[in-house]
Structure formats: C-alpha cells, structure tokens
Amino acid sequence: MNSQSDPKETNSRRKLIAGLGVLSLFPLAKLGFFNKKKDVISCAPESSSQKIKLLAQDGTLVEVDLSKIKNSKQKISNEQLQSWVKKEL
C-alpha cells in the first residue's frame, strides 16, 4: 500500500465501513424494538365469562358459568332447600 493514499479513496472506504456498521445494527434493532408478544388465537371459548359459586345437591360448592343459568327470580323457602339437599351423615 502506498503511504500517500488518495483522499477520495479513503473517504469512500470510510463511507463504506460506516454504511456496513449502520446496516449491521438493523438486525439488532429489529430484535429489540419489534420483539413484542404475539396474540395467541385459541379455538376454545373465552374464559373471561363470569362464574358464580352454587351449592350442589350433595352439599358441595361448584362454580357455574353465569350464562348457563336461567334467571327465575323466585326464592325458595328454607324447607324446600333442606329437602333438596341430600344429607349424608
């Protein structure tokens, strides 16, 4: 190599190296900035439905989806409830 290089040639080499440096940063930027969580599409029904706890006939508590229950708005008496629950002693 010549000790006296052409200044035009050194400028073009510097631009080339700077350009390669900038281009090498794009994959790193893509990994950092665009790495967001992707939404998962499921085939199952939504689990965000509201559930309530109800008393089963054997006396255990169960969680039931609110959309599966008919709203009759009719209260039962204590005697009806006690005869409905199966007691095992």
Foldseek 3Di string as FASTA:
>chain_A
DDPDDDPVVVVVVVVVVVVVVVVVCVVVCCCPPVPDDDDDDDPDDDPPADWDWDADQQGDIDIDGPVVDDDPVDDDDPVVSVVSRDDDD
